[in-house]
Amino acid sequence: KNILGTSSVASIEKNTKSVLESKKTPSQAPAKK
């Protein structure tokens, strides 16, 4: 964490949470009808 730096650690944690959220609620692509 020290080598990565505070802002990088915060970014990694935020992005990881975002990936988790997108996994739970994947965006839906339009389907051909």
PDB file of all heavy atoms in Angstrom:
ATOM      1  N   LYS A   1       0.823  -1.207   0.000  1.00  0.00           N
ATOM      2  CA  LYS A   1       0.000   0.000   0.000  1.00  0.00           C
ATOM      3  C   LYS A   1       0.860   1.261   0.000  1.00  0.00           C
ATOM      4  O   LYS A   1       0.528   2.235  -0.676  1.00  0.00           O
ATOM      5  CB  LYS A   1      -0.944  -0.002   1.201  1.00  0.00           C
ATOM      6  CG  LYS A   1      -2.058  -1.029   1.077  1.00  0.00           C
ATOM      7  CD  LYS A   1      -2.974  -0.971   2.297  1.00  0.00           C
ATOM      8  CE  LYS A   1      -4.164  -1.869   2.152  1.00  0.00           C
ATOM      9  NZ  LYS A   1      -5.081  -1.759   3.309  1.00  0.00           N
ATOM     10  N   ASN A   2       1.959   1.235   0.728  1.00  0.00           N
ATOM     11  CA  ASN A   2       2.858   2.384   0.769  1.00  0.00           C
ATOM     12  C   ASN A   2       3.488   2.629  -0.609  1.00  0.00           C
ATOM     13  O   ASN A   2       3.570   3.770  -1.075  1.00  0.00           O
ATOM     14  CB  ASN A   2       3.938   2.173   1.824  1.00  0.00           C
ATOM     15  CG  ASN A   2       4.808   3.395   2.013  1.00  0.00           C
ATOM     16  OD1 ASN A   2       4.303   4.502   2.150  1.00  0.00           O
ATOM     17  ND2 ASN A   2       6.110   3.188   2.015  1.00  0.00           N
ATOM     18  N   ILE A   3       3.930   1.566  -1.255  1.00  0.00           N
ATOM     19  CA  ILE A   3       4.550   1.696  -2.584  1.00  0.00           C
ATOM     20  C   ILE A   3       3.521   2.162  -3.613  1.00  0.00           C
ATOM     21  O   ILE A   3       3.809   3.019  -4.446  1.00  0.00           O
ATOM     22  CB  ILE A   3       5.208   0.366  -3.012  1.00  0.00           C
ATOM     23  CG1 ILE A   3       6.431   0.082  -2.121  1.00  0.00           C
ATOM     24  CG2 ILE A   3       5.605   0.394  -4.485  1.00  0.00           C
ATOM     25  CD1 ILE A   3       6.973  -1.335  -2.235  1.00  0.00           C
ATOM     26  N   LEU A   4       2.316   1.600  -3.547  1.00  0.00           N
ATOM     27  CA  LEU A   4       1.266   2.000  -4.494  1.00  0.00           C
ATOM     28  C   LEU A   4       0.842   3.443  -4.260  1.00  0.00           C
ATOM     29  O   LEU A   4       0.533   4.164  -5.205  1.00  0.00           O
ATOM     30  CB  LEU A   4       0.051   1.078  -4.373  1.00  0.00           C
ATOM     31  CG  LEU A   4       0.227  -0.352  -4.851  1.00  0.00           C
ATOM     32  CD1 LEU A   4      -0.999  -1.191  -4.490  1.00  0.00           C
ATOM     33  CD2 LEU A   4       0.496  -0.410  -6.345  1.00  0.00           C
ATOM     34  N   GLY A   5       0.801   3.853  -3.027  1.00  0.00           N
ATOM     35  CA  GLY A   5       0.372   5.209  -2.686  1.00  0.00           C
ATOM     36  C   GLY A   5      -1.111   5.266  -2.368  1.00  0.00           C
ATOM     37  O   GLY A   5      -1.901   4.462  -2.860  1.00  0.00           O
ATOM     38  N   THR A   6      -1.470   6.228  -1.553  1.00  0.00           N
ATOM     39  CA  THR A   6      -2.849   6.350  -1.062  1.00  0.00           C
ATOM     40  C   THR A   6      -3.862   6.457  -2.186  1.00  0.00           C
ATOM     41  O   THR A   6      -4.907   5.792  -2.163  1.00  0.00           O
ATOM     42  CB  THR A   6      -2.964   7.575  -0.131  1.00  0.00           C
ATOM     43  OG1 THR A   6      -1.993   7.447   0.909  1.00  0.00           O
ATOM     44  CG2 THR A   6      -4.341   7.675   0.483  1.00  0.00           C
ATOM     45  N   SER A   7      -3.576   7.282  -3.187  1.00  0.00           N
ATOM     46  CA  SER A   7      -4.563   7.470  -4.262  1.00  0.00           C
ATOM     47  C   SER A   7      -4.713   6.213  -5.108  1.00  0.00           C
ATOM     48  O   SER A   7      -5.831   5.876  -5.521  1.00  0.00           O
ATOM     49  CB  SER A   7      -4.210   8.680  -5.126  1.00  0.00           C
ATOM     50  OG  SER A   7      -2.971   8.488  -5.768  1.00  0.00           O
ATOM     51  N   SER A   8      -3.621   5.495  -5.354  1.00  0.00           N
ATOM     52  CA  SER A   8      -3.718   4.253  -6.125  1.00  0.00           C
ATOM     53  C   SER A   8      -4.468   3.177  -5.352  1.00  0.00           C
ATOM     54  O   SER A   8      -5.281   2.446  -5.925  1.00  0.00           O
ATOM     55  CB  SER A   8      -2.337   3.732  -6.513  1.00  0.00           C
ATOM     56  OG  SER A   8      -1.760   4.560  -7.482  1.00  0.00           O
ATOM     57  N   VAL A   9      -4.209   3.079  -4.061  1.00  0.00           N
ATOM     58  CA  VAL A   9      -4.924   2.103  -3.234  1.00  0.00           C
ATOM     59  C   VAL A   9      -6.416   2.408  -3.251  1.00  0.00           C
ATOM     60  O   VAL A   9      -7.243   1.510  -3.455  1.00  0.00           O
ATOM     61  CB  VAL A   9      -4.378   2.083  -1.783  1.00  0.00           C
ATOM     62  CG1 VAL A   9      -5.291   1.289  -0.859  1.00  0.00           C
ATOM     63  CG2 VAL A   9      -2.968   1.508  -1.760  1.00  0.00           C
ATOM     64  N   ALA A  10      -6.766   3.671  -3.077  1.00  0.00           N
ATOM     65  CA  ALA A  10      -8.178   4.072  -3.100  1.00  0.00           C
ATOM     66  C   ALA A  10      -8.804   3.763  -4.457  1.00  0.00           C
ATOM     67  O   ALA A  10      -9.940   3.279  -4.533  1.00  0.00           O
ATOM     68  CB  ALA A  10      -8.314   5.555  -2.771  1.00  0.00           C
ATOM     69  N   SER A  11      -8.071   4.014  -5.529  1.00  0.00           N
ATOM     70  CA  SER A  11      -8.564   3.740  -6.877  1.00  0.00           C
ATOM     71  C   SER A  11      -8.763   2.237  -7.105  1.00  0.00           C
ATOM     72  O   SER A  11      -9.776   1.817  -7.671  1.00  0.00           O
ATOM     73  CB  SER A  11      -7.589   4.311  -7.912  1.00  0.00           C
ATOM     74  OG  SER A  11      -8.022   4.035  -9.211  1.00  0.00           O
ATOM     75  N   ILE A  12      -7.792   1.435  -6.677  1.00  0.00           N
ATOM     76  CA  ILE A  12      -7.900  -0.024  -6.829  1.00  0.00           C
ATOM     77  C   ILE A  12      -9.117  -0.534  -6.060  1.00  0.00           C
ATOM     78  O   ILE A  12      -9.890  -1.356  -6.567  1.00  0.00           O
ATOM     79  CB  ILE A  12      -6.601  -0.720  -6.350  1.00  0.00           C
ATOM     80  CG1 ILE A  12      -5.457  -0.429  -7.318  1.00  0.00           C
ATOM     81  CG2 ILE A  12      -6.814  -2.232  -6.199  1.00  0.00           C
ATOM     82  CD1 ILE A  12      -4.075  -0.796  -6.781  1.00  0.00           C
ATOM     83  N   GLU A  13      -9.297  -0.046  -4.838  1.00  0.00           N
ATOM     84  CA  GLU A  13     -10.432  -0.491  -4.028  1.00  0.00           C
ATOM     85  C   GLU A  13     -11.752  -0.050  -4.658  1.00  0.00           C
ATOM     86  O   GLU A  13     -12.703  -0.836  -4.749  1.00  0.00           O
ATOM     87  CB  GLU A  13     -10.300   0.031  -2.596  1.00  0.00           C
ATOM     88  CG  GLU A  13      -9.176  -0.654  -1.848  1.00  0.00           C
ATOM     89  CD  GLU A  13      -8.955  -0.133  -0.436  1.00  0.00           C
ATOM     90  OE1 GLU A  13      -9.517   0.939  -0.066  1.00  0.00           O
ATOM     91  OE2 GLU A  13      -8.214  -0.807   0.317  1.00  0.00           O
ATOM     92  N   LYS A  14     -11.816   1.180  -5.130  1.00  0.00           N
ATOM     93  CA  LYS A  14     -13.038   1.691  -5.763  1.00  0.00           C
ATOM     94  C   LYS A  14     -13.352   0.907  -7.037  1.00  0.00           C
ATOM     95  O   LYS A  14     -14.498   0.507  -7.269  1.00  0.00           O
ATOM     96  CB  LYS A  14     -12.878   3.184  -6.092  1.00  0.00           C
ATOM     97  CG  LYS A  14     -14.082   3.798  -6.737  1.00  0.00           C
ATOM     98  CD  LYS A  14     -13.859   5.266  -7.056  1.00  0.00           C
ATOM     99  CE  LYS A  14     -15.063   5.841  -7.787  1.00  0.00           C
ATOM    100  NZ  LYS A  14     -14.830   7.211  -8.219  1.00  0.00           N
ATOM    101  N   ASN A  15     -12.344   0.679  -7.873  1.00  0.00           N
ATOM    102  CA  ASN A  15     -12.554  -0.067  -9.116  1.00  0.00           C
ATOM    103  C   ASN A  15     -12.971  -1.505  -8.849  1.00  0.00           C
ATOM    104  O   ASN A  15     -13.796  -2.065  -9.568  1.00  0.00           O
ATOM    105  CB  ASN A  15     -11.300  -0.032  -9.988  1.00  0.00           C
ATOM    106  CG  ASN A  15     -11.033   1.336 -10.563  1.00  0.00           C
ATOM    107  OD1 ASN A  15     -11.910   2.179 -10.624  1.00  0.00           O
ATOM    108  ND2 ASN A  15      -9.806   1.585 -10.972  1.00  0.00           N
ATOM    109  N   THR A  16     -12.402  -2.114  -7.808  1.00  0.00           N
ATOM    110  CA  THR A  16     -12.762  -3.483  -7.468  1.00  0.00           C
ATOM    111  C   THR A  16     -14.219  -3.558  -7.034  1.00  0.00           C
ATOM    112  O   THR A  16     -14.956  -4.456  -7.442  1.00  0.00           O
ATOM    113  CB  THR A  16     -11.830  -4.033  -6.360  1.00  0.00           C
ATOM    114  OG1 THR A  16     -10.474  -3.943  -6.830  1.00  0.00           O
ATOM    115  CG2 THR A  16     -12.144  -5.474  -6.030  1.00  0.00           C
ATOM    116  N   LYS A  17     -14.657  -2.585  -6.251  1.00  0.00           N
ATOM    117  CA  LYS A  17     -16.071  -2.529  -5.853  1.00  0.00           C
ATOM    118  C   LYS A  17     -16.966  -2.320  -7.085  1.00  0.00           C
ATOM    119  O   LYS A  17     -18.037  -2.914  -7.174  1.00  0.00           O
ATOM    120  CB  LYS A  17     -16.303  -1.401  -4.846  1.00  0.00           C
ATOM    121  CG  LYS A  17     -15.797  -1.701  -3.466  1.00  0.00           C
ATOM    122  CD  LYS A  17     -16.095  -0.520  -2.541  1.00  0.00           C
ATOM    123  CE  LYS A  17     -15.610  -0.749  -1.143  1.00  0.00           C
ATOM    124  NZ  LYS A  17     -15.888   0.420  -0.269  1.00  0.00           N
ATOM    125  N   SER A  18     -16.517  -1.498  -8.017  1.00  0.00           N
ATOM    126  CA  SER A  18     -17.298  -1.255  -9.239  1.00  0.00           C
ATOM    127  C   SER A  18     -17.431  -2.524 -10.076  1.00  0.00           C
ATOM    128  O   SER A  18     -18.496  -2.809 -10.619  1.00  0.00           O
ATOM    129  CB  SER A  18     -16.657  -0.156 -10.084  1.00  0.00           C
ATOM    130  OG  SER A  18     -16.714   1.074  -9.426  1.00  0.00           O
ATOM    131  N   VAL A  19     -16.327  -3.275 -10.181  1.00  0.00           N
ATOM    132  CA  VAL A  19     -16.373  -4.535 -10.924  1.00  0.00           C
ATOM    133  C   VAL A  19     -17.349  -5.496 -10.251  1.00  0.00           C
ATOM    134  O   VAL A  19     -18.138  -6.178 -10.914  1.00  0.00           O
ATOM    135  CB  VAL A  19     -14.964  -5.166 -11.047  1.00  0.00           C
ATOM    136  CG1 VAL A  19     -15.029  -6.576 -11.600  1.00  0.00           C
ATOM    137  CG2 VAL A  19     -14.074  -4.297 -11.914  1.00  0.00           C
ATOM    138  N   LEU A  20     -17.324  -5.538  -8.933  1.00  0.00           N
ATOM    139  CA  LEU A  20     -18.242  -6.393  -8.187  1.00  0.00           C
ATOM    140  C   LEU A  20     -19.685  -5.991  -8.456  1.00  0.00           C
ATOM    141  O   LEU A  20     -20.534  -6.840  -8.735  1.00  0.00           O
ATOM    142  CB  LEU A  20     -17.941  -6.320  -6.690  1.00  0.00           C
ATOM    143  CG  LEU A  20     -18.837  -7.132  -5.774  1.00  0.00           C
ATOM    144  CD1 LEU A  20     -18.695  -8.623  -6.056  1.00  0.00           C
ATOM    145  CD2 LEU A  20     -18.510  -6.847  -4.319  1.00  0.00           C
ATOM    146  N   GLU A  21     -19.956  -4.698  -8.418  1.00  0.00           N
ATOM    147  CA  GLU A  21     -21.320  -4.210  -8.664  1.00  0.00           C
ATOM    148  C   GLU A  21     -21.776  -4.521 -10.087  1.00  0.00           C
ATOM    149  O   GLU A  21     -22.907  -4.941 -10.309  1.00  0.00           O
ATOM    150  CB  GLU A  21     -21.409  -2.710  -8.390  1.00  0.00           C
ATOM    151  CG  GLU A  21     -22.815  -2.176  -8.394  1.00  0.00           C
ATOM    152  CD  GLU A  21     -23.740  -2.861  -7.403  1.00  0.00           C
ATOM    153  OE1 GLU A  21     -23.311  -3.239  -6.295  1.00  0.00           O
ATOM    154  OE2 GLU A  21     -24.926  -3.033  -7.754  1.00  0.00           O
ATOM    155  N   SER A  22     -20.880  -4.365 -11.070  1.00  0.00           N
ATOM    156  CA  SER A  22     -21.266  -4.660 -12.459  1.00  0.00           C
ATOM    157  C   SER A  22     -21.468  -6.162 -12.666  1.00  0.00           C
ATOM    158  O   SER A  22     -22.252  -6.572 -13.510  1.00  0.00           O
ATOM    159  CB  SER A  22     -20.236  -4.107 -13.443  1.00  0.00           C
ATOM    160  OG  SER A  22     -19.012  -4.782 -13.321  1.00  0.00           O
ATOM    161  N   LYS A  23     -20.782  -6.958 -11.883  1.00  0.00           N
ATOM    162  CA  LYS A  23     -20.979  -8.412 -11.953  1.00  0.00           C
ATOM    163  C   LYS A  23     -22.373  -8.776 -11.426  1.00  0.00           C
ATOM    164  O   LYS A  23     -23.025  -9.672 -11.951  1.00  0.00           O
ATOM    165  CB  LYS A  23     -19.891  -9.101 -11.117  1.00  0.00           C
ATOM    166  CG  LYS A  23     -19.820 -10.584 -11.250  1.00  0.00           C
ATOM    167  CD  LYS A  23     -18.608 -11.104 -10.470  1.00  0.00           C
ATOM    168  CE  LYS A  23     -18.529 -12.609 -10.520  1.00  0.00           C
ATOM    169  NZ  LYS A  23     -17.381 -13.121  -9.750  1.00  0.00           N
ATOM    170  N   LYS A  24     -22.805  -8.055 -10.398  1.00  0.00           N
ATOM    171  CA  LYS A  24     -24.118  -8.307  -9.811  1.00  0.00           C
ATOM    172  C   LYS A  24     -25.245  -7.833 -10.721  1.00  0.00           C
ATOM    173  O   LYS A  24     -26.296  -8.454 -10.774  1.00  0.00           O
ATOM    174  CB  LYS A  24     -24.246  -7.588  -8.471  1.00  0.00           C
ATOM    175  CG  LYS A  24     -23.462  -8.208  -7.357  1.00  0.00           C
ATOM    176  CD  LYS A  24     -23.550  -7.393  -6.090  1.00  0.00           C
ATOM    177  CE  LYS A  24     -24.957  -7.127  -5.666  1.00  0.00           C
ATOM    178  NZ  LYS A  24     -25.054  -6.362  -4.417  1.00  0.00           N
ATOM    179  N   THR A  25     -25.029  -6.714 -11.388  1.00  0.00           N
ATOM    180  CA  THR A  25     -26.068  -6.137 -12.243  1.00  0.00           C
ATOM    181  C   THR A  25     -25.479  -5.833 -13.607  1.00  0.00           C
ATOM    182  O   THR A  25     -25.194  -4.682 -13.919  1.00  0.00           O
ATOM    183  CB  THR A  25     -26.637  -4.850 -11.623  1.00  0.00           C
ATOM    184  OG1 THR A  25     -25.546  -3.969 -11.350  1.00  0.00           O
ATOM    185  CG2 THR A  25     -27.409  -5.119 -10.365  1.00  0.00           C
ATOM    186  N   PRO A  26     -25.256  -6.875 -14.412  1.00  0.00           N
ATOM    187  CA  PRO A  26     -24.639  -6.644 -15.721  1.00  0.00           C
ATOM    188  C   PRO A  26     -25.538  -5.788 -16.614  1.00  0.00           C
ATOM    189  O   PRO A  26     -26.766  -5.861 -16.527  1.00  0.00           O
ATOM    190  CB  PRO A  26     -24.478  -8.049 -16.292  1.00  0.00           C
ATOM    191  CG  PRO A  26     -25.425  -8.899 -15.537  1.00  0.00           C
ATOM    192  CD  PRO A  26     -25.632  -8.249 -14.200  1.00  0.00           C
ATOM    193  N   SER A  27     -24.902  -4.972 -17.417  1.00  0.00           N
ATOM    194  CA  SER A  27     -25.688  -4.162 -18.354  1.00  0.00           C
ATOM    195  C   SER A  27     -26.259  -5.082 -19.421  1.00  0.00           C
ATOM    196  O   SER A  27     -25.672  -6.091 -19.783  1.00  0.00           O
ATOM    197  CB  SER A  27     -24.817  -3.081 -18.986  1.00  0.00           C
ATOM    198  OG  SER A  27     -23.747  -3.675 -19.680  1.00  0.00           O
ATOM    199  N   GLN A  28     -27.421  -4.710 -19.881  1.00  0.00           N
ATOM    200  CA  GLN A  28     -28.085  -5.534 -20.887  1.00  0.00           C
ATOM    201  C   GLN A  28     -27.893  -4.912 -22.259  1.00  0.00           C
ATOM    202  O   GLN A  28     -28.151  -3.729 -22.446  1.00  0.00           O
ATOM    203  CB  GLN A  28     -29.567  -5.667 -20.582  1.00  0.00           C
ATOM    204  CG  GLN A  28     -29.829  -6.432 -19.297  1.00  0.00           C
ATOM    205  CD  GLN A  28     -31.316  -6.622 -19.047  1.00  0.00           C
ATOM    206  OE1 GLN A  28     -32.141  -6.034 -19.719  1.00  0.00           O
ATOM    207  NE2 GLN A  28     -31.645  -7.447 -18.077  1.00  0.00           N
ATOM    208  N   ALA A  29     -27.447  -5.725 -23.171  1.00  0.00           N
ATOM    209  CA  ALA A  29     -27.301  -5.266 -24.548  1.00  0.00           C
ATOM    210  C   ALA A  29     -28.652  -5.424 -25.247  1.00  0.00           C
ATOM    211  O   ALA A  29     -29.411  -6.349 -24.945  1.00  0.00           O
ATOM    212  CB  ALA A  29     -26.241  -6.096 -25.262  1.00  0.00           C
ATOM    213  N   PRO A  30     -28.943  -4.518 -26.159  1.00  0.00           N
ATOM    214  CA  PRO A  30     -30.202  -4.659 -26.893  1.00  0.00           C
ATOM    215  C   PRO A  30     -30.234  -5.999 -27.634  1.00  0.00           C
ATOM    216  O   PRO A  30     -29.242  -6.442 -28.192  1.00  0.00           O
ATOM    217  CB  PRO A  30     -30.178  -3.504 -27.883  1.00  0.00           C
ATOM    218  CG  PRO A  30     -29.167  -2.543 -27.343  1.00  0.00           C
ATOM    219  CD  PRO A  30     -28.191  -3.354 -26.569  1.00  0.00           C
ATOM    220  N   ALA A  31     -31.391  -6.635 -27.600  1.00  0.00           N
ATOM    221  CA  ALA A  31     -31.554  -7.929 -28.275  1.00  0.00           C
ATOM    222  C   ALA A  31     -32.324  -7.731 -29.576  1.00  0.00           C
ATOM    223  O   ALA A  31     -33.247  -6.916 -29.650  1.00  0.00           O
ATOM    224  CB  ALA A  31     -32.299  -8.893 -27.367  1.00  0.00           C
ATOM    225  N   LYS A  32     -31.921  -8.481 -30.576  1.00  0.00           N
ATOM    226  CA  LYS A  32     -32.627  -8.423 -31.854  1.00  0.00           C
ATOM    227  C   LYS A  32     -33.981  -9.091 -31.671  1.00  0.00           C
ATOM    228  O   LYS A  32     -34.100 -10.152 -31.069  1.00  0.00           O
ATOM    229  CB  LYS A  32     -31.818  -9.160 -32.927  1.00  0.00           C
ATOM    230  CG  LYS A  32     -32.428  -9.082 -34.289  1.00  0.00           C
ATOM    231  CD  LYS A  32     -31.546  -9.748 -35.317  1.00  0.00           C
ATOM    232  CE  LYS A  32     -32.191  -9.708 -36.685  1.00  0.00           C
ATOM    233  NZ  LYS A  32     -31.359 -10.384 -37.679  1.00  0.00           N
ATOM    234  N   LYS A  33     -35.001  -8.451 -32.173  1.00  0.00           N
ATOM    235  CA  LYS A  33     -36.361  -8.934 -32.029  1.00  0.00           C
ATOM    236  C   LYS A  33     -36.938  -9.171 -33.408  1.00  0.00           C
ATOM    237  O   LYS A  33     -36.768  -8.369 -34.318  1.00  0.00           O
ATOM    238  CB  LYS A  33     -37.173  -7.874 -31.269  1.00  0.00           C
ATOM    239  CG  LYS A  33     -38.572  -8.224 -30.978  1.00  0.00           C
ATOM    240  CD  LYS A  33     -38.649  -8.838 -29.612  1.00  0.00           C
ATOM    241  CE  LYS A  33     -40.122  -9.018 -29.291  1.00  0.00           C
ATOM    242  NZ  LYS A  33     -40.340  -9.987 -28.291  1.00  0.00           N
TER     243      LYS A  33
END
